């Protein structure tokens, strides 16, 4: 009877040991997955920081250029269609009404 108890006790111990190992492997796998997610998030954050640093450098360069009167004049001419004091403005505008009238007359002819 004692040999059967020893065999049964060893068998039960082996099962408990296997269950503990499986449990610890599951916990370890979960922790590794969390570490992987944190590393992935850290990499994405580092890339975002690099992009923002580049944008900051570009804005700093733009701010320095805004101290130059010639650059301000260039922006005023290109972006806001401003002209100098003794200059004559010249604007080329497409006549949208003529284009629509031409299309309407072609439509009515059909």
PDB file of N, CA and C in Angstrom:
ATOM      1  N   UNK A   1       0.801  -1.181   0.000  1.00  0.00           N
ATOM      2  CA  UNK A   1       0.000   0.000   0.000  1.00  0.00           C
ATOM      3  C   UNK A   1       0.857   1.263   0.000  1.00  0.00           C
ATOM      4  N   UNK A   2       1.935   1.239   0.645  1.00  0.00           N
ATOM      5  CA  UNK A   2       2.804   2.399   0.698  1.00  0.00           C
ATOM      6  C   UNK A   2       3.424   2.689  -0.659  1.00  0.00           C
ATOM      7  N   UNK A   3       3.703   1.684  -1.437  1.00  0.00           N
ATOM      8  CA  UNK A   3       4.262   1.923  -2.768  1.00  0.00           C
ATOM      9  C   UNK A   3       3.213   2.550  -3.677  1.00  0.00           C
ATOM     10  N   UNK A   4       1.951   2.128  -3.510  1.00  0.00           N
ATOM     11  CA  UNK A   4       0.885   2.740  -4.315  1.00  0.00           C
ATOM     12  C   UNK A   4       0.694   4.202  -3.912  1.00  0.00           C
ATOM     13  N   UNK A   5       0.772   4.481  -2.625  1.00  0.00           N
ATOM     14  CA  UNK A   5       0.640   5.861  -2.170  1.00  0.00           C
ATOM     15  C   UNK A   5       1.800   6.701  -2.675  1.00  0.00           C
ATOM     16  N   UNK A   6       2.995   6.139  -2.659  1.00  0.00           N
ATOM     17  CA  UNK A   6       4.157   6.878  -3.150  1.00  0.00           C
ATOM     18  C   UNK A   6       4.021   7.158  -4.646  1.00  0.00           C
ATOM     19  N   UNK A   7       3.566   6.147  -5.398  1.00  0.00           N
ATOM     20  CA  UNK A   7       3.380   6.342  -6.840  1.00  0.00           C
ATOM     21  C   UNK A   7       2.293   7.379  -7.096  1.00  0.00           C
ATOM     22  N   UNK A   8       1.187   7.271  -6.337  1.00  0.00           N
ATOM     23  CA  UNK A   8       0.097   8.223  -6.520  1.00  0.00           C
ATOM     24  C   UNK A   8       0.543   9.626  -6.106  1.00  0.00           C
ATOM     25  N   UNK A   9       1.271   9.741  -5.020  1.00  0.00           N
ATOM     26  CA  UNK A   9       1.786  11.035  -4.554  1.00  0.00           C
ATOM     27  C   UNK A   9       2.751  11.631  -5.569  1.00  0.00           C
ATOM     28  N   UNK A  10       3.621  10.813  -6.150  1.00  0.00           N
ATOM     29  CA  UNK A  10       4.564  11.292  -7.167  1.00  0.00           C
ATOM     30  C   UNK A  10       3.802  11.722  -8.420  1.00  0.00           C
ATOM     31  N   UNK A  11       2.785  10.966  -8.758  1.00  0.00           N
ATOM     32  CA  UNK A  11       1.975  11.290  -9.939  1.00  0.00           C
ATOM     33  C   UNK A  11       1.229  12.618  -9.717  1.00  0.00           C
ATOM     34  N   UNK A  12       0.631  12.788  -8.550  1.00  0.00           N
ATOM     35  CA  UNK A  12      -0.059  14.043  -8.224  1.00  0.00           C
ATOM     36  C   UNK A  12       0.921  15.218  -8.198  1.00  0.00           C
ATOM     37  N   UNK A  13       2.081  14.994  -7.631  1.00  0.00           N
ATOM     38  CA  UNK A  13       3.101  16.051  -7.591  1.00  0.00           C
ATOM     39  C   UNK A  13       3.507  16.456  -9.005  1.00  0.00           C
ATOM     40  N   UNK A  14       3.657  15.478  -9.874  1.00  0.00           N
ATOM     41  CA  UNK A  14       4.023  15.761 -11.270  1.00  0.00           C
ATOM     42  C   UNK A  14       2.942  16.601 -11.943  1.00  0.00           C
ATOM     43  N   UNK A  15       1.679  16.293 -11.734  1.00  0.00           N
ATOM     44  CA  UNK A  15       0.592  17.058 -12.332  1.00  0.00           C
ATOM     45  C   UNK A  15       0.557  18.493 -11.789  1.00  0.00           C
ATOM     46  N   UNK A  16       0.740  18.635 -10.492  1.00  0.00           N
ATOM     47  CA  UNK A  16       0.777  19.973  -9.901  1.00  0.00           C
ATOM     48  C   UNK A  16       1.944  20.762 -10.464  1.00  0.00           C
ATOM     49  N   UNK A  17       3.088  20.108 -10.595  1.00  0.00           N
ATOM     50  CA  UNK A  17       4.275  20.758 -11.160  1.00  0.00           C
ATOM     51  C   UNK A  17       4.019  21.191 -12.602  1.00  0.00           C
ATOM     52  N   UNK A  18       3.394  20.348 -13.395  1.00  0.00           N
ATOM     53  CA  UNK A  18       3.081  20.686 -14.793  1.00  0.00           C
ATOM     54  C   UNK A  18       2.111  21.858 -14.836  1.00  0.00           C
ATOM     55  N   UNK A  19       1.088  21.847 -13.984  1.00  0.00           N
ATOM     56  CA  UNK A  19       0.134  22.944 -13.956  1.00  0.00           C
ATOM     57  C   UNK A  19       0.799  24.254 -13.545  1.00  0.00           C
ATOM     58  N   UNK A  20       1.694  24.195 -12.566  1.00  0.00           N
ATOM     59  CA  UNK A  20       2.421  25.400 -12.161  1.00  0.00           C
ATOM     60  C   UNK A  20       3.304  25.931 -13.287  1.00  0.00           C
ATOM     61  N   UNK A  21       3.955  25.041 -13.985  1.00  0.00           N
ATOM     62  CA  UNK A  21       4.815  25.462 -15.101  1.00  0.00           C
ATOM     63  C   UNK A  21       3.972  26.108 -16.197  1.00  0.00           C
ATOM     64  N   UNK A  22       2.833  25.517 -16.524  1.00  0.00           N
ATOM     65  CA  UNK A  22       1.937  26.087 -17.541  1.00  0.00           C
ATOM     66  C   UNK A  22       1.441  27.455 -17.085  1.00  0.00           C
ATOM     67  N   UNK A  23       1.070  27.571 -15.826  1.00  0.00           N
ATOM     68  CA  UNK A  23       0.601  28.841 -15.288  1.00  0.00           C
ATOM     69  C   UNK A  23       1.692  29.915 -15.397  1.00  0.00           C
ATOM     70  N   UNK A  24       2.898  29.580 -14.963  1.00  0.00           N
ATOM     71  CA  UNK A  24       3.990  30.554 -15.020  1.00  0.00           C
ATOM     72  C   UNK A  24       4.364  30.914 -16.453  1.00  0.00           C
ATOM     73  N   UNK A  25       4.283  29.954 -17.360  1.00  0.00           N
ATOM     74  CA  UNK A  25       4.542  30.272 -18.775  1.00  0.00           C
ATOM     75  C   UNK A  25       3.475  31.207 -19.325  1.00  0.00           C
ATOM     76  N   UNK A  26       2.224  31.008 -18.910  1.00  0.00           N
ATOM     77  CA  UNK A  26       1.153  31.899 -19.364  1.00  0.00           C
ATOM     78  C   UNK A  26       1.377  33.311 -18.827  1.00  0.00           C
ATOM     79  N   UNK A  27       1.740  33.422 -17.560  1.00  0.00           N
ATOM     80  CA  UNK A  27       2.010  34.737 -16.967  1.00  0.00           C
ATOM     81  C   UNK A  27       3.206  35.389 -17.658  1.00  0.00           C
ATOM     82  N   UNK A  28       4.247  34.599 -17.895  1.00  0.00           N
ATOM     83  CA  UNK A  28       5.438  35.122 -18.561  1.00  0.00           C
ATOM     84  C   UNK A  28       5.112  35.588 -19.986  1.00  0.00           C
ATOM     85  N   UNK A  29       4.313  34.813 -20.700  1.00  0.00           N
ATOM     86  CA  UNK A  29       3.919  35.193 -22.057  1.00  0.00           C
ATOM     87  C   UNK A  29       3.114  36.482 -22.061  1.00  0.00           C
ATOM     88  N   UNK A  30       2.237  36.623 -21.103  1.00  0.00           N
ATOM     89  CA  UNK A  30       1.435  37.839 -21.005  1.00  0.00           C
ATOM     90  C   UNK A  30       2.310  39.058 -20.726  1.00  0.00           C
ATOM     91  N   UNK A  31       3.268  38.892 -19.833  1.00  0.00           N
ATOM     92  CA  UNK A  31       4.183  39.986 -19.518  1.00  0.00           C
ATOM     93  C   UNK A  31       5.042  40.353 -20.726  1.00  0.00           C
ATOM     94  N   UNK A  32       5.496  39.355 -21.451  1.00  0.00           N
ATOM     95  CA  UNK A  32       6.288  39.624 -22.663  1.00  0.00           C
ATOM     96  C   UNK A  32       5.468  40.378 -23.698  1.00  0.00           C
ATOM     97  N   UNK A  33       4.196  40.029 -23.831  1.00  0.00           N
ATOM     98  CA  UNK A  33       3.327  40.722 -24.773  1.00  0.00           C
ATOM     99  C   UNK A  33       3.141  42.176 -24.358  1.00  0.00           C
ATOM    100  N   UNK A  34       2.986  42.412 -23.051  1.00  0.00           N
ATOM    101  CA  UNK A  34       2.861  43.787 -22.572  1.00  0.00           C
ATOM    102  C   UNK A  34       4.138  44.576 -22.855  1.00  0.00           C
ATOM    103  N   UNK A  35       5.276  43.948 -22.644  1.00  0.00           N
ATOM    104  CA  UNK A  35       6.560  44.605 -22.931  1.00  0.00           C
ATOM    105  C   UNK A  35       6.662  44.920 -24.417  1.00  0.00           C
ATOM    106  N   UNK A  36       6.237  43.987 -25.261  1.00  0.00           N
ATOM    107  CA  UNK A  36       6.254  44.215 -26.711  1.00  0.00           C
ATOM    108  C   UNK A  36       5.382  45.413 -27.074  1.00  0.00           C
ATOM    109  N   UNK A  37       4.179  45.495 -26.489  1.00  0.00           N
ATOM    110  CA  UNK A  37       3.285  46.613 -26.779  1.00  0.00           C
ATOM    111  C   UNK A  37       3.893  47.939 -26.318  1.00  0.00           C
ATOM    112  N   UNK A  38       4.522  47.940 -25.162  1.00  0.00           N
ATOM    113  CA  UNK A  38       5.134  49.167 -24.645  1.00  0.00           C
ATOM    114  C   UNK A  38       6.289  49.600 -25.538  1.00  0.00           C
ATOM    115  N   UNK A  39       7.095  48.648 -25.993  1.00  0.00           N
ATOM    116  CA  UNK A  39       8.205  48.988 -26.890  1.00  0.00           C
ATOM    117  C   UNK A  39       7.681  49.549 -28.212  1.00  0.00           C
ATOM    118  N   UNK A  40       6.614  48.941 -28.715  1.00  0.00           N
ATOM    119  CA  UNK A  40       6.014  49.412 -29.966  1.00  0.00           C
ATOM    120  C   UNK A  40       5.483  50.839 -29.796  1.00  0.00           C
ATOM    121  N   UNK A  41       4.821  51.093 -28.687  1.00  0.00           N
ATOM    122  CA  UNK A  41       4.289  52.425 -28.407  1.00  0.00           C
ATOM    123  C   UNK A  41       5.423  53.438 -28.218  1.00  0.00           C
ATOM    124  N   UNK A  42       6.500  53.009 -27.578  1.00  0.00           N
ATOM    125  CA  UNK A  42       7.658  53.886 -27.375  1.00  0.00           C
ATOM    126  C   UNK A  42       8.282  54.261 -28.717  1.00  0.00           C
ATOM    127  N   UNK A  43       8.396  53.296 -29.604  1.00  0.00           N
ATOM    128  CA  UNK A  43       8.953  53.578 -30.936  1.00  0.00           C
ATOM    129  C   UNK A  43       8.073  54.569 -31.688  1.00  0.00           C
ATOM    130  N   UNK A  44       6.767  54.385 -31.635  1.00  0.00           N
ATOM    131  CA  UNK A  44       5.846  55.305 -32.316  1.00  0.00           C
ATOM    132  C   UNK A  44       5.953  56.701 -31.715  1.00  0.00           C
ATOM    133  N   UNK A  45       6.090  56.773 -30.393  1.00  0.00           N
ATOM    134  CA  UNK A  45       6.216  58.067 -29.734  1.00  0.00           C
ATOM    135  C   UNK A  45       7.527  58.747 -30.114  1.00  0.00           C
ATOM    136  N   UNK A  46       8.597  57.984 -30.201  1.00  0.00           N
ATOM    137  CA  UNK A  46       9.887  58.555 -30.611  1.00  0.00           C
ATOM    138  C   UNK A  46       9.814  59.103 -32.030  1.00  0.00           C
ATOM    139  N   UNK A  47       9.137  58.383 -32.918  1.00  0.00           N
ATOM    140  CA  UNK A  47       8.983  58.869 -34.288  1.00  0.00           C
ATOM    141  C   UNK A  47       8.169  60.154 -34.318  1.00  0.00           C
ATOM    142  N   UNK A  48       7.137  60.219 -33.500  1.00  0.00           N
ATOM    143  CA  UNK A  48       6.306  61.431 -33.431  1.00  0.00           C
ATOM    144  C   UNK A  48       7.118  62.600 -32.892  1.00  0.00           C
ATOM    145  N   UNK A  49       7.966  62.341 -31.889  1.00  0.00           N
ATOM    146  CA  UNK A  49       8.816  63.393 -31.336  1.00  0.00           C
ATOM    147  C   UNK A  49       9.779  63.909 -32.407  1.00  0.00           C
ATOM    148  N   UNK A  50      10.346  63.004 -33.195  1.00  0.00           N
ATOM    149  CA  UNK A  50      11.253  63.417 -34.272  1.00  0.00           C
ATOM    150  C   UNK A  50      10.524  64.278 -35.293  1.00  0.00           C
ATOM    151  N   UNK A  51       9.292  63.893 -35.641  1.00  0.00           N
ATOM    152  CA  UNK A  51       8.509  64.692 -36.589  1.00  0.00           C
ATOM    153  C   UNK A  51       8.230  66.080 -36.017  1.00  0.00           C
ATOM    154  N   UNK A  52       7.879  66.129 -34.752  1.00  0.00           N
ATOM    155  CA  UNK A  52       7.584  67.422 -34.127  1.00  0.00           C
ATOM    156  C   UNK A  52       8.838  68.286 -34.009  1.00  0.00           C
ATOM    157  N   UNK A  53       9.986  67.667 -33.752  1.00  0.00           N
ATOM    158  CA  UNK A  53      11.234  68.433 -33.694  1.00  0.00           C
ATOM    159  C   UNK A  53      11.568  69.009 -35.061  1.00  0.00           C
ATOM    160  N   UNK A  54      11.319  68.234 -36.114  1.00  0.00           N
ATOM    161  CA  UNK A  54      11.566  68.734 -37.475  1.00  0.00           C
ATOM    162  C   UNK A  54      10.617  69.895 -37.784  1.00  0.00           C
ATOM    163  N   UNK A  55       9.351  69.735 -37.414  1.00  0.00           N
ATOM    164  CA  UNK A  55       8.379  70.816 -37.638  1.00  0.00           C
ATOM    165  C   UNK A  55       8.773  72.054 -36.846  1.00  0.00           C
ATOM    166  N   UNK A  56       9.259  71.864 -35.637  1.00  0.00           N
ATOM    167  CA  UNK A  56       9.698  72.991 -34.815  1.00  0.00           C
ATOM    168  C   UNK A  56      10.874  73.708 -35.470  1.00  0.00           C
ATOM    169  N   UNK A  57      11.825  72.927 -35.998  1.00  0.00           N
ATOM    170  CA  UNK A  57      12.979  73.530 -36.676  1.00  0.00           C
ATOM    171  C   UNK A  57      12.531  74.322 -37.899  1.00  0.00           C
ATOM    172  N   UNK A  58      11.572  73.773 -38.650  1.00  0.00           N
ATOM    173  CA  UNK A  58      11.048  74.481 -39.822  1.00  0.00           C
ATOM    174  C   UNK A  58      10.365  75.788 -39.412  1.00  0.00           C
ATOM    175  N   UNK A  59       9.602  75.726 -38.333  1.00  0.00           N
ATOM    176  CA  UNK A  59       8.921  76.943 -37.862  1.00  0.00           C
ATOM    177  C   UNK A  59       9.919  77.980 -37.338  1.00  0.00           C
ATOM    178  N   UNK A  60      10.980  77.515 -36.692  1.00  0.00           N
ATOM    179  CA  UNK A  60      12.009  78.447 -36.217  1.00  0.00           C
ATOM    180  C   UNK A  60      12.690  79.133 -37.406  1.00  0.00           C
ATOM    181  N   UNK A  61      12.973  78.356 -38.448  1.00  0.00           N
ATOM    182  CA  UNK A  61      13.584  78.934 -39.647  1.00  0.00           C
ATOM    183  C   UNK A  61      12.635  79.943 -40.288  1.00  0.00           C
ATOM    184  N   UNK A  62      11.345  79.615 -40.334  1.00  0.00           N
ATOM    185  CA  UNK A  62      10.352  80.537 -40.891  1.00  0.00           C
ATOM    186  C   UNK A  62      10.285  81.818 -40.054  1.00  0.00           C
ATOM    187  N   UNK A  63      10.339  81.670 -38.737  1.00  0.00           N
ATOM    188  CA  UNK A  63      10.295  82.842 -37.855  1.00  0.00           C
ATOM    189  C   UNK A  63      11.504  83.744 -38.097  1.00  0.00           C
ATOM    190  N   UNK A  64      12.664  83.147 -38.316  1.00  0.00           N
ATOM    191  CA  UNK A  64      13.863  83.951 -38.594  1.00  0.00           C
ATOM    192  C   UNK A  64      13.741  84.666 -39.942  1.00  0.00           C
ATOM    193  N   UNK A  65      13.135  83.977 -40.917  1.00  0.00           N
ATOM    194  CA  UNK A  65      12.961  84.607 -42.227  1.00  0.00           C
ATOM    195  C   UNK A  65      11.975  85.763 -42.170  1.00  0.00           C
ATOM    196  N   UNK A  66      11.051  85.724 -41.232  1.00  0.00           N
ATOM    197  CA  UNK A  66      10.057  86.793 -41.120  1.00  0.00           C
ATOM    198  C   UNK A  66      10.669  88.103 -40.623  1.00  0.00           C
ATOM    199  N   UNK A  67      11.899  88.080 -40.180  1.00  0.00           N
ATOM    200  CA  UNK A  67      12.595  89.314 -39.804  1.00  0.00           C
ATOM    201  C   UNK A  67      13.125  90.050 -41.037  1.00  0.00           C
ATOM    202  N   UNK A  68      13.150  89.363 -42.184  1.00  0.00           N
ATOM    203  CA  UNK A  68      13.678  89.948 -43.419  1.00  0.00           C
ATOM    204  C   UNK A  68      12.545  90.652 -44.172  1.00  0.00           C
ATOM    205  N   UNK A  69      12.670  91.967 -44.415  1.00  0.00           N
ATOM    206  CA  UNK A  69      11.597  92.707 -45.123  1.00  0.00           C
ATOM    207  C   UNK A  69      11.355  92.195 -46.542  1.00  0.00           C
ATOM    208  N   UNK A  70      12.393  91.728 -47.221  1.00  0.00           N
ATOM    209  CA  UNK A  70      12.203  91.227 -48.590  1.00  0.00           C
ATOM    210  C   UNK A  70      11.370  89.945 -48.587  1.00  0.00           C
ATOM    211  N   UNK A  71      11.564  89.102 -47.584  1.00  0.00           N
ATOM    212  CA  UNK A  71      10.777  87.879 -47.487  1.00  0.00           C
ATOM    213  C   UNK A  71       9.309  88.208 -47.190  1.00  0.00           C
ATOM    214  N   UNK A  72       9.087  89.184 -46.336  1.00  0.00           N
ATOM    215  CA  UNK A  72       7.718  89.605 -46.033  1.00  0.00           C
ATOM    216  C   UNK A  72       7.047  90.161 -47.289  1.00  0.00           C
ATOM    217  N   UNK A  73       7.786  90.932 -48.069  1.00  0.00           N
ATOM    218  CA  UNK A  73       7.240  91.478 -49.314  1.00  0.00           C
ATOM    219  C   UNK A  73       6.897  90.352 -50.284  1.00  0.00           C
ATOM    220  N   UNK A  74       7.767  89.355 -50.375  1.00  0.00           N
ATOM    221  CA  UNK A  74       7.519  88.212 -51.262  1.00  0.00           C
ATOM    222  C   UNK A  74       6.240  87.480 -50.839  1.00  0.00           C
ATOM    223  N   UNK A  75       6.079  87.245 -49.538  1.00  0.00           N
ATOM    224  CA  UNK A  75       4.865  86.582 -49.056  1.00  0.00           C
ATOM    225  C   UNK A  75       3.618  87.412 -49.343  1.00  0.00           C
ATOM    226  N   UNK A  76       3.719  88.725 -49.146  1.00  0.00           N
ATOM    227  CA  UNK A  76       2.571  89.600 -49.387  1.00  0.00           C
ATOM    228  C   UNK A  76       2.167  89.555 -50.859  1.00  0.00           C
ATOM    229  N   UNK A  77       3.138  89.549 -51.742  1.00  0.00           N
ATOM    230  CA  UNK A  77       2.838  89.512 -53.183  1.00  0.00           C
ATOM    231  C   UNK A  77       2.236  88.165 -53.597  1.00  0.00           C
ATOM    232  N   UNK A  78       2.874  87.067 -53.151  1.00  0.00           N
ATOM    233  CA  UNK A  78       2.447  85.744 -53.606  1.00  0.00           C
ATOM    234  C   UNK A  78       1.167  85.262 -52.926  1.00  0.00           C
ATOM    235  N   UNK A  79       1.100  85.427 -51.628  1.00  0.00           N
ATOM    236  CA  UNK A  79      -0.023  84.842 -50.891  1.00  0.00           C
ATOM    237  C   UNK A  79      -1.236  85.758 -50.795  1.00  0.00           C
ATOM    238  N   UNK A  80      -1.014  87.061 -50.802  1.00  0.00           N
ATOM    239  CA  UNK A  80      -2.119  87.983 -50.569  1.00  0.00           C
ATOM    240  C   UNK A  80      -2.382  88.924 -51.753  1.00  0.00           C
ATOM    241  N   UNK A  81      -1.713  88.698 -52.868  1.00  0.00           N
ATOM    242  CA  UNK A  81      -1.914  89.466 -54.099  1.00  0.00           C
ATOM    243  C   UNK A  81      -1.763  90.964 -53.873  1.00  0.00           C
ATOM    244  N   UNK A  82      -0.832  91.366 -53.048  1.00  0.00           N
ATOM    245  CA  UNK A  82      -0.594  92.790 -52.788  1.00  0.00           C
ATOM    246  C   UNK A  82       0.364  93.335 -53.850  1.00  0.00           C
ATOM    247  N   UNK A  83       0.258  94.646 -54.095  1.00  0.00           N
ATOM    248  CA  UNK A  83       1.126  95.310 -55.062  1.00  0.00           C
ATOM    249  C   UNK A  83       1.806  96.493 -54.372  1.00  0.00           C
ATOM    250  N   UNK A  84       2.897  96.930 -54.988  1.00  0.00           N
ATOM    251  CA  UNK A  84       3.621  98.074 -54.443  1.00  0.00           C
ATOM    252  C   UNK A  84       2.864  99.370 -54.677  1.00  0.00           C
ATOM    253  N   UNK A  85       3.377 100.451 -54.081  1.00  0.00           N
ATOM    254  CA  UNK A  85       2.703 101.746 -54.136  1.00  0.00           C
ATOM    255  C   UNK A  85       2.570 102.270 -55.568  1.00  0.00           C
ATOM    256  N   UNK A  86       3.612 102.176 -56.386  1.00  0.00           N
ATOM    257  CA  UNK A  86       3.595 102.714 -57.749  1.00  0.00           C
ATOM    258  C   UNK A  86       3.405 101.633 -58.805  1.00  0.00           C
ATOM    259  N   UNK A  87       2.886 100.490 -58.417  1.00  0.00           N
ATOM    260  CA  UNK A  87       2.690  99.389 -59.359  1.00  0.00           C
ATOM    261  C   UNK A  87       1.213  99.300 -59.744  1.00  0.00           C
ATOM    262  N   UNK A  88       0.995  98.798 -60.958  1.00  0.00           N
ATOM    263  CA  UNK A  88      -0.371  98.609 -61.446  1.00  0.00           C
ATOM    264  C   UNK A  88      -0.706  97.126 -61.299  1.00  0.00           C
ATOM    265  N   UNK A  89      -1.778  96.815 -60.590  1.00  0.00           N
ATOM    266  CA  UNK A  89      -2.123  95.395 -60.431  1.00  0.00           C
ATOM    267  C   UNK A  89      -2.678  94.818 -61.725  1.00  0.00           C
ATOM    268  N   UNK A  90      -2.320  93.602 -62.018  1.00  0.00           N
ATOM    269  CA  UNK A  90      -2.792  92.921 -63.211  1.00  0.00           C
ATOM    270  C   UNK A  90      -3.264  91.542 -62.795  1.00  0.00           C
ATOM    271  N   UNK A  91      -4.549  91.316 -62.964  1.00  0.00           N
ATOM    272  CA  UNK A  91      -5.127  90.032 -62.585  1.00  0.00           C
ATOM    273  C   UNK A  91      -5.754  89.393 -63.809  1.00  0.00           C
ATOM    274  N   UNK A  92      -5.478  88.142 -64.043  1.00  0.00           N
ATOM    275  CA  UNK A  92      -6.078  87.392 -65.143  1.00  0.00           C
ATOM    276  C   UNK A  92      -7.148  86.502 -64.531  1.00  0.00           C
ATOM    277  N   UNK A  93      -8.388  86.749 -64.935  1.00  0.00           N
ATOM    278  CA  UNK A  93      -9.512  86.025 -64.365  1.00  0.00           C
ATOM    279  C   UNK A  93     -10.256  85.343 -65.504  1.00  0.00           C
ATOM    280  N   UNK A  94     -10.549  84.081 -65.337  1.00  0.00           N
ATOM    281  CA  UNK A  94     -11.350  83.376 -66.326  1.00  0.00           C
ATOM    282  C   UNK A  94     -12.802  83.779 -66.136  1.00  0.00           C
ATOM    283  N   UNK A  95     -13.488  83.957 -67.253  1.00  0.00           N
ATOM    284  CA  UNK A  95     -14.890  84.334 -67.184  1.00  0.00           C
ATOM    285  C   UNK A  95     -15.722  83.063 -67.069  1.00  0.00           C
ATOM    286  N   UNK A  96     -16.156  82.771 -65.877  1.00  0.00           N
ATOM    287  CA  UNK A  96     -16.905  81.545 -65.629  1.00  0.00           C
ATOM    288  C   UNK A  96     -18.298  81.609 -66.243  1.00  0.00           C
ATOM    289  N   UNK A  97     -18.873  82.812 -66.330  1.00  0.00           N
ATOM    290  CA  UNK A  97     -20.215  82.946 -66.897  1.00  0.00           C
ATOM    291  C   UNK A  97     -20.221  82.583 -68.378  1.00  0.00           C
ATOM    292  N   UNK A  98     -19.158  82.981 -69.112  1.00  0.00           N
ATOM    293  CA  UNK A  98     -19.090  82.638 -70.535  1.00  0.00           C
ATOM    294  C   UNK A  98     -18.965  81.130 -70.724  1.00  0.00           C
ATOM    295  N   UNK A  99     -18.132  80.510 -69.886  1.00  0.00           N
ATOM    296  CA  UNK A  99     -17.967  79.064 -69.981  1.00  0.00           C
ATOM    297  C   UNK A  99     -19.289  78.346 -69.712  1.00  0.00           C
ATOM    298  N   UNK A 100     -20.026  78.799 -68.726  1.00  0.00           N
ATOM    299  CA  UNK A 100     -21.307  78.172 -68.412  1.00  0.00           C
ATOM    300  C   UNK A 100     -22.319  78.447 -69.519  1.00  0.00           C
ATOM    301  N   UNK A 101     -22.300  79.650 -70.081  1.00  0.00           N
ATOM    302  CA  UNK A 101     -23.241  79.982 -71.156  1.00  0.00           C
ATOM    303  C   UNK A 101     -22.950  79.125 -72.376  1.00  0.00           C
ATOM    304  N   UNK A 102     -21.692  78.923 -72.678  1.00  0.00           N
ATOM    305  CA  UNK A 102     -21.318  78.075 -73.813  1.00  0.00           C
ATOM    306  C   UNK A 102     -21.758  76.643 -73.597  1.00  0.00           C
ATOM    307  N   UNK A 103     -21.634  76.161 -72.400  1.00  0.00           N
ATOM    308  CA  UNK A 103     -22.057  74.798 -72.105  1.00  0.00           C
ATOM    309  C   UNK A 103     -23.576  74.700 -72.144  1.00  0.00           C
ATOM    310  N   UNK A 104     -24.265  75.723 -71.662  1.00  0.00           N
ATOM    311  CA  UNK A 104     -25.732  75.687 -71.667  1.00  0.00           C
ATOM    312  C   UNK A 104     -26.262  75.721 -73.090  1.00  0.00           C
ATOM    313  N   UNK A 105     -25.643  76.522 -73.974  1.00  0.00           N
ATOM    314  CA  UNK A 105     -26.122  76.588 -75.349  1.00  0.00           C
ATOM    315  C   UNK A 105     -25.848  75.271 -76.075  1.00  0.00           C
ATOM    316  N   UNK A 106     -24.745  74.620 -75.747  1.00  0.00           N
ATOM    317  CA  UNK A 106     -24.465  73.329 -76.372  1.00  0.00           C
ATOM    318  C   UNK A 106     -25.460  72.284 -75.877  1.00  0.00           C
ATOM    319  N   UNK A 107     -25.843  72.382 -74.650  1.00  0.00           N
ATOM    320  CA  UNK A 107     -26.794  71.427 -74.084  1.00  0.00           C
ATOM    321  C   UNK A 107     -28.177  71.604 -74.703  1.00  0.00           C
ATOM    322  N   UNK A 108     -28.578  72.873 -74.937  1.00  0.00           N
ATOM    323  CA  UNK A 108     -29.914  73.113 -75.489  1.00  0.00           C
ATOM    324  C   UNK A 108     -29.977  72.751 -76.961  1.00  0.00           C
ATOM    325  N   UNK A 109     -28.849  72.814 -77.680  1.00  0.00           N
ATOM    326  CA  UNK A 109     -28.842  72.458 -79.106  1.00  0.00           C
ATOM    327  C   UNK A 109     -29.069  70.978 -79.301  1.00  0.00           C
ATOM    328  N   UNK A 110     -28.668  70.174 -78.379  1.00  0.00           N
ATOM    329  CA  UNK A 110     -28.809  68.716 -78.525  1.00  0.00           C
ATOM    330  C   UNK A 110     -30.199  68.350 -78.304  1.00  0.00           C
TER     331      UNK A 110
END
